[in-house]
Amino acid sequence: MLSPIVRYLPALALLGCADYQFTELTRTDVFQQNTSRVVDLLVVIDNSGSMVQEQDNMARNFEVLIDTFADAEVSWRVAVTTTDTDPETAPRGLLLGGDDEVVLDGPNGEIDRLEYDRSWEFTRGTSLMLDPEWTTFTSNDNRDNWCAATTEFATGALGTPGERNPSCDGSEVDDPVPEADDGPRSPRSGDLVVSELMPESSGLDSRCEWFELTSTTDDTLDLAEVVLTDLGRNSFTFAEGTEVGPYGVLVVGRATDDNCDTPVDVAVGEAFVLNDDVRWVEADTPDVAELFAENVAAGYGGTGIEMGLEGARLVFTEPYSTADNAGFLRDEANLSLLFVSDEDDQSPWPVDDYLRFFAGLKGDEAFRDHGLVNLSAVVGKDVPPREDLPACESDNGIAWYGRRYLEAANQTDGLVESICEEDFAPIIERLGLTLSGLEADFELSELPNLSTLVLTLYEDDREDSKIRELERDVDYTYVSEGNLIHFGEGQVPPAGYYVVAKYRVLPTGSATEGER
């Protein structure tokens, strides 16, 4: 909590002059909100099978963190890794980004499943095309069967949306000639294949990214009830009447207009997103909330042996720290780590060893100043009555006691929250306040007579910078326990602003409910 400024700034001090004759009864407390910070935040998300809802909860509410950081004028950077440290598992030690899936399911089962990762090396504004020789659902996962488009279809964009692909080596391609059309019918396995991808468009991906489906059959296909999903939070169902003709192509994009001049047949909006190879996001990252949502929705295929502390350590060790993750950690930034898991940490080192490792990334001062390095935890935080019982339960499932995560957070003055909360928005706002250094509580120097309490917000230390007077129980609340002025969600004063509290001091022995 902030304490009142003992020596008032010259201009604001004038506010109390009219009451000078009542100096023993009248008090003016002046508070200045903390100024901005530089923060690098690593989110370590549990990607085991029980975490789908919690990942979605984090993804939905990321904009709350962005807004909190904006109010605090924080220079921020956020990346994601997982609790999965299995040597055979791809995310080990890596900042997530560039991995995604396109899964088509229909009434007759799975139709196609394409998975790509950062090794595919997409170029912004250029699609990857599947060579027509390999237009099968068993061969389009192989990057060797794809090539970069060379045909310009719009200004600054290369690809062939709406057309069958040319060959990658420039040889002649004979388009298939349909025979008897027994459609329209529902597609079966392999009848539709993902054949072209533009996950990194020439404009904003929220309007311009797209992919193409190619039919491999003589029959007209009826896509009603066909669902597009990935292994995260994306899902889109094709509308009644959506069809693809024999050996036809269908362009699926974000929008049908204002979309980098792409001829989109089916618009999915925000329901289906292709992930870019963006390892971290910051304030000026285009489509920042969307990219974070894709990364934090890390799927549910990770091992059930969750090692969050070890997963975070690997991010900052060789070879990852100077290769895939190079550049994330800034010299001038505080380092914060957030662990989100419904299980306790099972990393091999003692907690204190991990804390020494993370503090060592920021030098000797970080061992004393937890503002430089801190760990927060959204886990099962309540001690269960028995070891074989969960720490908490919710509609999303159960969470076990996160003892090691809580130990790490408590030792570094980090935030501790329950993963069983239905809505993560308040949690994420509190995280933003914790990391940004903004204060929500201001302790008055004396007990106030509440009927005389007047709170005023100023942009700076000049009297003419007054924003407005604040209304109790609307803009703030008074908390008698601790004698605090408390600002709730969305009400915290911005960085550098001043709060001036003027009030009559409550006489000794008269702290009755009416006078308060």
Protein backbone atom coordinates (compact mmCIF):
# COMPACT_ATOMS: atom_id res chain seq x y z
CA MET A 1 0.00 0.00 0.00
CA LEU A 2 1.13 3.53 -0.71
CA SER A 3 1.69 5.87 2.21
CA PRO A 4 0.74 9.55 1.94
CA ILE A 5 3.42 11.89 0.63
CA VAL A 6 4.80 13.51 3.76
CA ARG A 7 5.86 16.76 2.09
CA TYR A 8 3.00 17.79 -0.20
CA LEU A 9 3.88 19.11 -3.61
CA PRO A 10 3.62 22.92 -3.65
CA ALA A 11 0.52 23.26 -5.81
CA LEU A 12 -1.47 20.53 -4.11
CA ALA A 13 -0.56 21.78 -0.67
CA LEU A 14 -2.70 24.87 -1.33
CA LEU A 15 -5.77 22.66 -1.29
CA GLY A 16 -5.66 22.49 2.51
CA CYS A 17 -5.01 26.19 3.22
CA ALA A 18 -8.66 27.15 3.71
CA ASP A 19 -8.83 24.74 6.65
CA TYR A 20 -5.59 25.90 8.25
CA GLN A 21 -7.34 26.93 11.48
CA PHE A 22 -8.54 23.33 11.89
CA THR A 23 -5.15 21.66 11.54
CA GLU A 24 -5.83 19.43 14.52
CA LEU A 25 -9.14 18.23 13.08
CA THR A 26 -8.68 18.36 9.30
CA ARG A 27 -6.36 16.18 7.26
CA THR A 28 -5.22 16.23 3.63
CA ASP A 29 -3.45 13.09 2.41
CA VAL A 30 -1.80 13.16 -1.01
CA PHE A 31 -0.93 9.96 -2.84
CA GLN A 32 0.86 9.52 -6.13
CA GLN A 33 0.23 6.37 -8.12
CA ASN A 34 3.39 4.45 -9.02
CA THR A 35 5.03 5.18 -12.36
CA SER A 36 5.55 2.80 -15.25
CA ARG A 37 7.62 -0.38 -15.36
CA VAL A 38 9.19 -2.65 -17.98
CA VAL A 39 7.96 -6.24 -17.62
CA ASP A 40 8.70 -9.51 -19.41
CA LEU A 41 6.03 -12.06 -18.47
CA LEU A 42 6.38 -15.79 -19.14
CA VAL A 43 3.11 -17.71 -18.83
CA VAL A 44 3.71 -21.38 -18.07
CA ILE A 45 0.50 -23.22 -18.96
CA ASP A 46 -0.37 -26.78 -18.04
CA ASN A 47 -1.11 -28.57 -21.33
CA SER A 48 -2.30 -31.87 -19.90
CA GLY A 49 -5.72 -33.34 -20.68
CA SER A 50 -7.65 -31.62 -17.88
CA MET A 51 -6.78 -28.03 -18.77
CA VAL A 52 -8.89 -27.15 -21.83
CA GLN A 53 -11.37 -24.90 -19.99
CA GLU A 54 -8.66 -23.13 -18.00
CA GLN A 55 -6.65 -22.40 -21.16
CA ASP A 56 -9.76 -20.96 -22.75
CA ASN A 57 -10.43 -18.86 -19.64
CA MET A 58 -6.95 -17.36 -19.87
CA ALA A 59 -7.32 -16.72 -23.60
CA ARG A 60 -10.72 -15.02 -23.28
CA ASN A 61 -9.52 -12.56 -20.69
CA PHE A 62 -6.09 -11.54 -21.97
CA GLU A 63 -7.37 -8.12 -23.04
CA VAL A 64 -7.97 -7.34 -19.36
CA LEU A 65 -4.21 -7.66 -18.82
CA ILE A 66 -3.50 -5.49 -21.86
CA ASP A 67 -5.85 -2.78 -20.57
CA THR A 68 -4.30 -2.90 -17.10
CA PHE A 69 -0.81 -2.60 -18.53
CA ALA A 70 -1.96 0.28 -20.75
CA ASP A 71 -3.33 2.20 -17.75
CA ALA A 72 -0.03 1.64 -15.97
CA GLU A 73 1.97 2.66 -19.05
CA VAL A 74 3.90 -0.58 -18.76
CA SER A 75 6.32 -1.61 -21.49
CA TRP A 76 5.34 -5.27 -21.59
CA ARG A 77 6.17 -8.45 -23.40
CA VAL A 78 4.35 -11.79 -22.91
CA ALA A 79 5.34 -15.29 -24.03
CA VAL A 80 3.96 -18.77 -23.36
CA THR A 81 5.52 -22.14 -22.67
CA THR A 82 4.13 -25.34 -21.14
CA THR A 83 4.61 -27.64 -18.17
CA ASP A 84 5.56 -30.45 -20.56
CA THR A 85 9.29 -31.24 -20.39
CA ASP A 86 9.24 -34.70 -21.93
CA PRO A 87 12.36 -34.89 -24.17
CA GLU A 88 10.23 -36.43 -26.92
CA THR A 89 7.65 -33.61 -26.82
CA ALA A 90 8.07 -30.65 -29.17
CA PRO A 91 7.27 -27.71 -26.81
CA ARG A 92 10.06 -28.62 -24.38
CA GLY A 93 12.00 -25.44 -23.59
CA LEU A 94 10.34 -23.48 -26.41
CA LEU A 95 8.29 -20.33 -26.42
CA LEU A 96 5.10 -21.33 -28.19
CA GLY A 97 4.26 -19.95 -31.61
CA GLY A 98 3.96 -21.16 -35.19
CA ASP A 99 2.27 -24.48 -34.40
CA ASP A 100 -1.34 -25.15 -35.36
CA GLU A 101 -3.79 -27.66 -36.80
CA VAL A 102 -6.73 -27.72 -39.20
CA VAL A 103 -9.04 -30.63 -38.41
CA LEU A 104 -12.15 -31.40 -40.49
CA ASP A 105 -14.78 -33.66 -38.97
CA GLY A 106 -18.07 -34.64 -40.59
CA PRO A 107 -21.01 -36.96 -40.03
CA ASN A 108 -18.90 -39.82 -41.39
CA GLY A 109 -15.89 -39.15 -39.14
CA GLU A 110 -12.61 -37.30 -39.61
CA ILE A 111 -12.12 -35.99 -43.16
CA ASP A 112 -8.65 -34.44 -42.96
CA ARG A 113 -6.14 -33.35 -40.32
CA LEU A 114 -3.27 -31.03 -41.20
CA GLU A 115 -0.65 -30.11 -38.61
CA TYR A 116 2.10 -27.57 -39.20
CA ASP A 117 4.83 -26.10 -37.01
CA ARG A 118 7.45 -23.34 -37.12
CA SER A 119 9.73 -25.43 -39.33
CA TRP A 120 7.33 -24.76 -42.22
CA GLU A 121 8.71 -21.20 -42.31
CA PHE A 122 5.84 -19.17 -43.72
CA THR A 123 6.65 -15.85 -45.35
CA ARG A 124 4.30 -12.95 -44.70
CA GLY A 125 2.00 -12.40 -47.67
CA THR A 126 2.95 -15.68 -49.38
CA SER A 127 0.88 -18.85 -49.19
CA LEU A 128 2.22 -22.38 -49.13
CA MET A 129 0.66 -24.63 -51.78
CA LEU A 130 0.34 -28.40 -51.78
CA ASP A 131 1.73 -29.90 -54.97
CA PRO A 132 -1.24 -31.48 -56.85
CA GLU A 133 0.68 -34.75 -57.07
CA TRP A 134 0.26 -35.05 -53.28
CA THR A 135 -3.38 -34.04 -52.84
CA THR A 136 -4.23 -36.76 -50.34
CA PHE A 137 -5.01 -36.64 -46.64
CA THR A 138 -2.01 -38.85 -45.85
CA SER A 139 0.56 -36.68 -47.65
CA ASN A 140 -0.34 -33.06 -46.87
CA ASP A 141 1.34 -33.18 -43.44
CA ASN A 142 4.73 -33.51 -45.13
CA ARG A 143 6.32 -30.07 -45.62
CA ASP A 144 8.37 -31.46 -48.53
CA ASN A 145 5.15 -31.73 -50.54
CA TRP A 146 4.48 -27.99 -50.28
CA CYS A 147 6.05 -24.96 -51.96
CA ALA A 148 5.79 -21.18 -51.72
CA ALA A 149 3.35 -19.52 -54.14
CA THR A 150 4.78 -17.31 -56.86
CA THR A 151 1.57 -16.01 -58.47
CA GLU A 152 0.35 -12.56 -57.38
CA PHE A 153 -3.40 -12.51 -56.76
CA ALA A 154 -3.57 -9.17 -54.94
CA THR A 155 -1.21 -6.30 -54.18
CA GLY A 156 1.60 -7.67 -52.03
CA ALA A 157 0.06 -11.15 -51.82
CA LEU A 158 1.15 -14.36 -53.54
CA GLY A 159 -1.11 -17.40 -53.86
CA THR A 160 -3.81 -19.08 -55.91
CA PRO A 161 -6.97 -18.87 -53.75
CA GLY A 162 -10.01 -20.27 -55.55
CA GLU A 163 -7.98 -22.13 -58.15
CA ARG A 164 -6.46 -25.59 -58.25
CA ASN A 165 -2.76 -25.45 -57.42
CA PRO A 166 -0.03 -25.48 -60.07
CA SER A 167 2.80 -27.97 -59.65
CA CYS A 168 5.73 -26.96 -57.50
CA ASP A 169 8.28 -27.76 -60.23
CA GLY A 170 6.44 -25.87 -62.99
CA SER A 171 5.43 -28.99 -64.94
CA GLU A 172 2.07 -29.29 -66.70
CA VAL A 173 -0.85 -30.42 -64.56
CA ASP A 174 -3.92 -32.09 -66.03
CA ASP A 175 -7.04 -31.15 -64.10
CA PRO A 176 -9.16 -34.20 -63.24
CA VAL A 177 -12.30 -34.73 -65.31
CA PRO A 178 -15.38 -35.58 -63.23
CA GLU A 179 -17.38 -38.66 -64.11
CA ALA A 180 -20.75 -39.49 -62.55
CA ASP A 181 -21.73 -37.06 -59.79
CA ASP A 182 -23.54 -39.00 -57.08
CA GLY A 183 -23.84 -35.97 -54.81
CA PRO A 184 -24.59 -33.90 -53.02
CA ARG A 185 -23.46 -36.06 -50.13
CA SER A 186 -21.54 -35.72 -46.88
CA PRO A 187 -17.76 -35.99 -47.28
CA ARG A 188 -15.92 -39.07 -46.16
CA SER A 189 -12.28 -39.46 -45.10
CA GLY A 190 -9.96 -37.92 -47.70
CA ASP A 191 -12.72 -36.34 -49.80
CA LEU A 192 -11.53 -32.85 -48.77
CA VAL A 193 -7.87 -31.95 -48.27
CA VAL A 194 -6.26 -28.78 -46.94
CA SER A 195 -4.28 -27.69 -49.99
CA GLU A 196 -3.17 -24.07 -49.45
CA LEU A 197 -2.34 -22.03 -46.35
CA MET A 198 -1.93 -18.29 -45.70
CA PRO A 199 -1.51 -17.98 -41.90
CA GLU A 200 0.68 -14.86 -42.19
CA SER A 201 -1.19 -12.53 -44.51
CA SER A 202 -0.04 -9.32 -46.13
CA GLY A 203 -2.45 -7.36 -43.90
CA LEU A 204 -4.10 -7.92 -40.54
CA ASP A 205 -4.63 -11.64 -40.00
CA SER A 206 -7.93 -10.92 -38.27
CA ARG A 207 -9.24 -9.95 -41.72
CA CYS A 208 -6.93 -11.51 -44.28
CA GLU A 209 -5.62 -14.97 -43.34
CA TRP A 210 -7.13 -17.92 -45.21
CA PHE A 211 -6.73 -21.53 -46.27
CA GLU A 212 -8.09 -23.62 -49.10
CA LEU A 213 -9.84 -27.00 -49.25
CA THR A 214 -9.68 -29.12 -52.39
CA SER A 215 -12.14 -31.87 -53.26
CA THR A 216 -10.64 -35.18 -54.40
CA THR A 217 -13.90 -36.75 -55.59
CA ASP A 218 -16.30 -36.76 -58.59
CA ASP A 219 -19.22 -36.01 -56.27
CA THR A 220 -20.62 -32.72 -55.08
CA LEU A 221 -19.98 -32.50 -51.33
CA ASP A 222 -22.48 -31.11 -48.85
CA LEU A 223 -20.56 -29.52 -45.95
CA ALA A 224 -23.54 -29.10 -43.61
CA GLU A 225 -22.50 -30.46 -40.19
CA VAL A 226 -18.81 -30.45 -41.14
CA VAL A 227 -16.83 -28.88 -38.28
CA LEU A 228 -13.45 -27.15 -38.37
CA THR A 229 -11.43 -27.43 -35.16
CA ASP A 230 -7.87 -27.36 -33.90
CA LEU A 231 -6.40 -28.84 -30.73
CA GLY A 232 -7.13 -25.62 -28.86
CA ARG A 233 -10.19 -23.39 -28.61
CA ASN A 234 -11.18 -22.93 -32.29
CA SER A 235 -14.40 -24.37 -33.70
CA PHE A 236 -16.52 -23.51 -36.75
CA THR A 237 -19.46 -25.39 -38.29
CA PHE A 238 -20.25 -24.93 -41.98
CA ALA A 239 -23.73 -23.62 -42.68
CA GLU A 240 -26.52 -25.49 -44.42
CA GLY A 241 -26.21 -25.18 -48.17
CA THR A 242 -22.38 -24.99 -48.26
CA GLU A 243 -21.23 -27.22 -51.12
CA VAL A 244 -18.08 -28.03 -53.09
CA GLY A 245 -18.40 -29.27 -56.67
CA PRO A 246 -16.49 -32.24 -58.13
CA TYR A 247 -12.74 -31.60 -57.74
CA GLY A 248 -13.63 -28.06 -56.70
CA VAL A 249 -11.87 -25.75 -54.25
CA LEU A 250 -13.27 -23.78 -51.32
CA VAL A 251 -11.50 -20.78 -49.78
CA VAL A 252 -12.05 -20.42 -46.04
CA GLY A 253 -11.06 -17.02 -44.65
CA ARG A 254 -11.71 -14.56 -41.89
CA ALA A 255 -13.93 -12.20 -43.90
CA THR A 256 -15.50 -11.83 -47.33
CA ASP A 257 -14.66 -8.13 -47.64
CA ASP A 258 -11.86 -5.83 -46.50
CA ASN A 259 -9.72 -8.96 -46.60
CA CYS A 260 -6.66 -8.14 -48.72
CA ASP A 261 -8.70 -8.87 -51.87
CA THR A 262 -8.88 -12.61 -51.18
CA PRO A 263 -11.83 -14.39 -52.86
CA VAL A 264 -13.21 -15.98 -49.68
CA ASP A 265 -16.11 -18.47 -50.07
CA VAL A 266 -16.75 -19.07 -46.35
CA ALA A 267 -15.99 -16.49 -43.64
CA VAL A 268 -15.23 -17.86 -40.18
CA GLY A 269 -14.60 -14.56 -38.35
CA GLU A 270 -13.04 -15.15 -34.92
CA ALA A 271 -14.21 -18.76 -34.73
CA PHE A 272 -11.16 -20.19 -36.47
CA VAL A 273 -7.67 -18.70 -36.37
CA LEU A 274 -4.39 -19.83 -37.96
CA ASN A 275 -1.45 -19.33 -35.63
CA ASP A 276 1.54 -17.23 -36.74
CA ASP A 277 5.13 -17.91 -35.81
CA VAL A 278 5.14 -15.16 -33.18
CA ARG A 279 7.12 -16.19 -30.08
CA TRP A 280 6.00 -13.30 -27.89
CA VAL A 281 3.52 -10.45 -28.06
CA GLU A 282 3.77 -6.83 -26.96
CA ALA A 283 1.70 -3.66 -27.15
CA ASP A 284 2.34 -2.96 -30.85
CA THR A 285 1.92 -6.57 -32.05
CA PRO A 286 -0.89 -6.70 -34.64
CA ASP A 287 -3.87 -8.80 -33.47
CA VAL A 288 -2.11 -9.18 -30.13
CA ALA A 289 -4.98 -10.73 -28.14
CA GLU A 290 -5.70 -13.23 -30.91
CA LEU A 291 -2.08 -14.39 -31.09
CA PHE A 292 -1.82 -14.78 -27.31
CA ALA A 293 -5.06 -16.75 -27.28
CA GLU A 294 -3.68 -19.15 -29.88
CA ASN A 295 -0.47 -19.69 -27.94
CA VAL A 296 -2.03 -20.08 -24.49
CA ALA A 297 -4.56 -22.58 -25.88
CA ALA A 298 -1.70 -25.05 -25.93
CA GLY A 299 -3.87 -28.13 -26.31
CA TYR A 300 -4.23 -31.15 -24.07
CA GLY A 301 -1.67 -33.58 -25.42
CA GLY A 302 1.04 -32.90 -22.85
CA THR A 303 2.31 -35.43 -20.37
CA GLY A 304 0.52 -35.79 -17.04
CA ILE A 305 3.82 -35.21 -15.19
CA GLU A 306 3.63 -31.42 -14.96
CA MET A 307 6.96 -29.66 -14.44
CA GLY A 308 6.21 -25.96 -14.62
CA LEU A 309 9.32 -24.71 -12.82
CA GLU A 310 11.55 -26.90 -14.98
CA GLY A 311 9.69 -25.86 -18.13
CA ALA A 312 10.32 -22.22 -17.29
CA ARG A 313 14.00 -22.86 -16.51
CA LEU A 314 14.55 -24.55 -19.86
CA VAL A 315 13.31 -21.44 -21.70
CA PHE A 316 16.32 -19.53 -20.33
CA THR A 317 18.95 -22.24 -20.86
CA GLU A 318 20.98 -23.37 -23.86
CA PRO A 319 20.23 -24.13 -26.61
CA TYR A 320 16.82 -22.50 -26.37
CA SER A 321 17.83 -19.15 -24.85
CA THR A 322 20.14 -18.19 -27.73
CA ALA A 323 18.23 -19.93 -30.53
CA ASP A 324 14.42 -20.20 -30.66
CA ASN A 325 13.84 -17.97 -27.62
CA ALA A 326 16.59 -15.43 -28.27
CA GLY A 327 15.63 -11.83 -27.63
CA PHE A 328 12.65 -12.42 -25.35
CA LEU A 329 14.31 -11.39 -22.10
CA ARG A 330 15.24 -7.70 -22.11
CA ASP A 331 18.09 -6.38 -19.97
CA GLU A 332 16.03 -3.46 -18.66
CA ALA A 333 12.89 -5.49 -17.85
CA ASN A 334 11.63 -7.12 -14.68
CA LEU A 335 11.01 -10.84 -15.12
CA SER A 336 7.68 -12.29 -14.00
CA LEU A 337 6.53 -15.87 -14.32
CA LEU A 338 2.92 -17.03 -14.09
CA PHE A 339 2.13 -20.72 -13.55
CA VAL A 340 -1.37 -21.98 -14.40
CA SER A 341 -1.97 -25.61 -13.47
CA ASP A 342 -4.48 -27.90 -11.77
CA GLU A 343 -1.66 -30.11 -10.45
CA ASP A 344 1.35 -29.46 -8.25
CA ASP A 345 4.78 -29.01 -9.78
CA GLN A 346 6.85 -32.18 -10.18
CA SER A 347 10.13 -30.62 -11.30
CA PRO A 348 13.35 -32.34 -10.17
CA TRP A 349 15.03 -29.45 -8.30
CA PRO A 350 14.07 -28.01 -4.90
CA VAL A 351 11.99 -24.84 -5.16
CA ASP A 352 14.79 -22.71 -3.68
CA ASP A 353 17.16 -23.83 -6.44
CA TYR A 354 14.72 -22.66 -9.10
CA LEU A 355 14.27 -19.33 -7.33
CA ARG A 356 18.05 -18.84 -7.27
CA PHE A 357 18.22 -19.67 -10.98
CA PHE A 358 15.53 -17.15 -11.95
CA ALA A 359 16.95 -14.44 -9.70
CA GLY A 360 20.37 -15.04 -11.21
CA LEU A 361 19.01 -14.04 -14.62
CA LYS A 362 18.67 -10.48 -13.31
CA GLY A 363 21.77 -10.18 -11.15
CA ASP A 364 22.51 -9.94 -7.44
CA GLU A 365 19.92 -7.25 -6.72
CA ALA A 366 17.11 -9.61 -7.75
CA PHE A 367 17.85 -11.82 -4.75
CA ARG A 368 16.71 -8.91 -2.53
CA ASP A 369 14.25 -7.03 -4.74
CA HIS A 370 11.32 -9.22 -5.74
CA GLY A 371 10.10 -6.53 -8.08
CA LEU A 372 12.91 -7.61 -10.41
CA VAL A 373 11.97 -11.31 -10.44
CA ASN A 374 8.72 -12.74 -9.12
CA LEU A 375 6.58 -15.82 -9.60
CA SER A 376 2.77 -15.96 -9.47
CA ALA A 377 0.48 -18.99 -9.40
CA VAL A 378 -3.08 -19.74 -10.47
CA VAL A 379 -3.43 -23.19 -8.94
CA GLY A 380 -5.26 -25.13 -6.28
CA LYS A 381 -4.38 -22.82 -3.41
CA ASP A 382 -6.43 -24.07 -0.45
CA VAL A 383 -4.94 -26.77 1.77
CA PRO A 384 -7.24 -29.82 1.50
CA PRO A 385 -8.45 -31.60 4.65
CA ARG A 386 -6.63 -34.74 3.49
CA GLU A 387 -3.79 -35.33 1.05
CA ASP A 388 -5.98 -37.57 -1.12
CA LEU A 389 -8.56 -34.79 -1.61
CA PRO A 390 -8.42 -31.92 -4.12
CA ALA A 391 -7.74 -28.33 -3.10
CA CYS A 392 -10.84 -27.07 -4.92
CA GLU A 393 -13.58 -28.09 -7.33
CA SER A 394 -15.54 -26.23 -10.00
CA ASP A 395 -17.70 -26.96 -13.03
CA ASN A 396 -14.45 -27.28 -14.98
CA GLY A 397 -13.16 -30.09 -12.78
CA ILE A 398 -10.89 -30.42 -9.78
CA ALA A 399 -7.49 -29.00 -8.87
CA TRP A 400 -4.91 -30.49 -6.56
CA TYR A 401 -2.95 -28.48 -4.03
CA GLY A 402 -0.14 -26.58 -5.79
CA ARG A 403 2.25 -26.59 -2.83
CA ARG A 404 5.50 -25.97 -4.74
CA TYR A 405 4.01 -23.23 -6.94
CA LEU A 406 2.57 -21.52 -3.86
CA GLU A 407 5.92 -21.75 -2.08
CA ALA A 408 7.64 -20.07 -5.04
CA ALA A 409 5.00 -17.32 -5.30
CA ASN A 410 4.97 -16.57 -1.58
CA GLN A 411 8.76 -16.32 -1.42
CA THR A 412 8.83 -13.74 -4.25
CA ASP A 413 5.77 -11.65 -3.28
CA GLY A 414 3.90 -12.93 -6.31
CA LEU A 415 0.16 -13.25 -6.83
CA VAL A 416 -1.66 -16.37 -5.63
CA GLU A 417 -5.11 -17.18 -7.04
CA SER A 418 -7.43 -20.18 -7.29
CA ILE A 419 -7.69 -21.96 -10.63
CA CYS A 420 -11.21 -23.02 -9.70
CA GLU A 421 -12.56 -19.49 -10.19
CA GLU A 422 -15.18 -19.48 -12.96
CA ASP A 423 -14.06 -16.13 -14.36
CA PHE A 424 -10.36 -15.32 -14.73
CA ALA A 425 -10.94 -11.62 -15.54
CA PRO A 426 -10.52 -10.38 -11.93
CA ILE A 427 -7.51 -12.65 -11.50
CA ILE A 428 -5.85 -11.31 -14.63
CA GLU A 429 -6.52 -7.72 -13.63
CA ARG A 430 -4.94 -8.35 -10.23
CA LEU A 431 -1.99 -9.93 -12.01
CA GLY A 432 -1.67 -6.83 -14.18
CA LEU A 433 -1.71 -4.59 -11.10
CA THR A 434 0.85 -6.77 -9.34
CA LEU A 435 3.24 -6.78 -12.29
CA SER A 436 2.74 -3.15 -13.26
CA GLY A 437 3.28 -1.84 -9.75
CA LEU A 438 -0.03 0.04 -9.71
CA GLU A 439 -1.62 0.28 -6.29
CA ALA A 440 -5.31 -0.36 -5.62
CA ASP A 441 -5.15 0.45 -1.88
CA PHE A 442 -4.22 3.75 -0.25
CA GLU A 443 -3.92 3.95 3.54
CA LEU A 444 -5.21 7.14 5.17
CA SER A 445 -3.05 8.69 7.85
CA GLU A 446 -5.96 9.20 10.29
CA LEU A 447 -9.40 7.73 10.85
CA PRO A 448 -11.83 9.80 8.77
CA ASN A 449 -15.31 11.05 9.47
CA LEU A 450 -16.73 9.54 6.29
CA SER A 451 -19.39 12.19 5.89
CA THR A 452 -16.59 14.72 5.31
CA LEU A 453 -14.29 12.59 3.14
CA VAL A 454 -13.64 14.10 -0.29
CA LEU A 455 -11.41 12.30 -2.81
CA THR A 456 -10.13 14.13 -5.88
CA LEU A 457 -8.17 12.75 -8.83
CA TYR A 458 -5.42 14.84 -10.50
CA GLU A 459 -3.44 14.06 -13.61
CA ASP A 460 -0.24 15.61 -12.24
CA ASP A 461 0.95 17.85 -9.40
CA ARG A 462 -0.73 21.01 -10.70
CA GLU A 463 -3.98 22.18 -9.14
CA ASP A 464 -5.47 22.88 -12.59
CA SER A 465 -4.91 19.24 -13.63
CA LYS A 466 -7.96 18.16 -11.63
CA ILE A 467 -9.86 15.33 -13.35
CA ARG A 468 -12.88 15.08 -11.02
CA GLU A 469 -14.05 14.29 -7.54
CA LEU A 470 -14.54 10.61 -6.85
CA GLU A 471 -17.76 9.18 -5.45
CA ARG A 472 -17.61 6.71 -2.58
CA ASP A 473 -19.11 3.27 -3.33
CA VAL A 474 -19.08 4.16 -7.03
CA ASP A 475 -15.46 5.08 -7.86
CA TYR A 476 -13.90 3.62 -4.71
CA THR A 477 -14.77 2.01 -1.40
CA TYR A 478 -13.60 2.71 2.12
CA VAL A 479 -12.32 -0.36 3.98
CA SER A 480 -12.37 0.16 7.75
CA GLU A 481 -10.04 -2.77 8.35
CA GLY A 482 -6.73 -1.13 7.53
CA ASN A 483 -8.25 2.37 7.09
CA LEU A 484 -7.97 2.02 3.31
CA ILE A 485 -9.25 3.71 0.21
CA HIS A 486 -9.75 0.80 -2.21
CA PHE A 487 -10.12 1.01 -5.98
CA GLY A 488 -11.81 -1.99 -7.60
CA GLU A 489 -11.66 -3.52 -11.07
CA GLY A 490 -11.40 -0.84 -13.75
CA GLN A 491 -11.13 1.98 -11.18
CA VAL A 492 -7.43 2.02 -10.27
CA PRO A 493 -5.81 5.44 -10.89
CA PRO A 494 -3.41 5.47 -13.86
CA ALA A 495 0.36 5.61 -13.46
CA GLY A 496 1.65 8.92 -12.10
CA TYR A 497 -1.80 10.33 -11.21
CA TYR A 498 -2.46 11.89 -7.81
CA VAL A 499 -5.25 11.09 -5.38
CA VAL A 500 -5.98 13.78 -2.77
CA ALA A 501 -8.04 12.81 0.27
CA LYS A 502 -9.47 15.63 2.46
CA TYR A 503 -11.46 14.80 5.58
CA ARG A 504 -12.20 15.70 9.19
CA VAL A 505 -10.38 13.43 11.60
CA LEU A 506 -12.72 11.27 13.64
CA PRO A 507 -12.48 12.29 17.32
CA THR A 508 -10.95 9.72 19.64
CA GLY A 509 -13.53 7.33 21.04
CA SER A 510 -16.28 8.29 18.59
CA ALA A 511 -15.76 5.63 15.94
CA THR A 512 -19.43 4.79 15.76
CA GLU A 513 -21.03 3.43 12.63
CA GLY A 514 -23.00 6.63 12.09
CA GLU A 515 -19.97 8.89 12.33
CA ARG A 516 -17.92 6.61 10.14
